[in-house]
Amino acid sequence: METSNYILVIAASIATFIGFLLPFIIAAIIGRKVPRRKLFVFVCGVFSYGLGGLVVIVLGPVEVLATFLAPQLLHVNEHSTIGAFLQGAGEIIEVIALVLGIVFIFLVPLYARKGLWHRVCEALANE
């Protein structure tokens, strides 16, 4: 393998790692002035991934149906309404999951910073 290929593989690995850390990076930027900042970043990152996982759990079965069932239905009957719907849904599912994931990356820290995090810190201090 040439040197340029090694550089591309290393760059792609670093970009992927930064992409995985994006919820934590955004939470660190948004929560610059919150108490217990490290815990805030960790909790917001975990909740962002958790909400994204819930989206995938809900949209996953539709994606599976669109991948495996829609071509079968369209092959049997070209005018299958369910097949056309599933095929169209399969094209939109990835976009919905990506957009909701990006929205959750920003909404979770913003919502937590507005008032929820201060209540969590007070509850931790009272224990």
Foldseek 3Di string as FASTA:
>chain_A
DDPVVVVVVVVVVVVVVVVLCLLLVLLCVLPVPDPPSVVSSVVLSVVLVVVLVVLCVVCVVLLVCLVPVLVVVCVVPVPDPVSVVSVVSNVCSVVVSVVSSVVSSNVSSVVCVVPVVVVVVVVVVVD
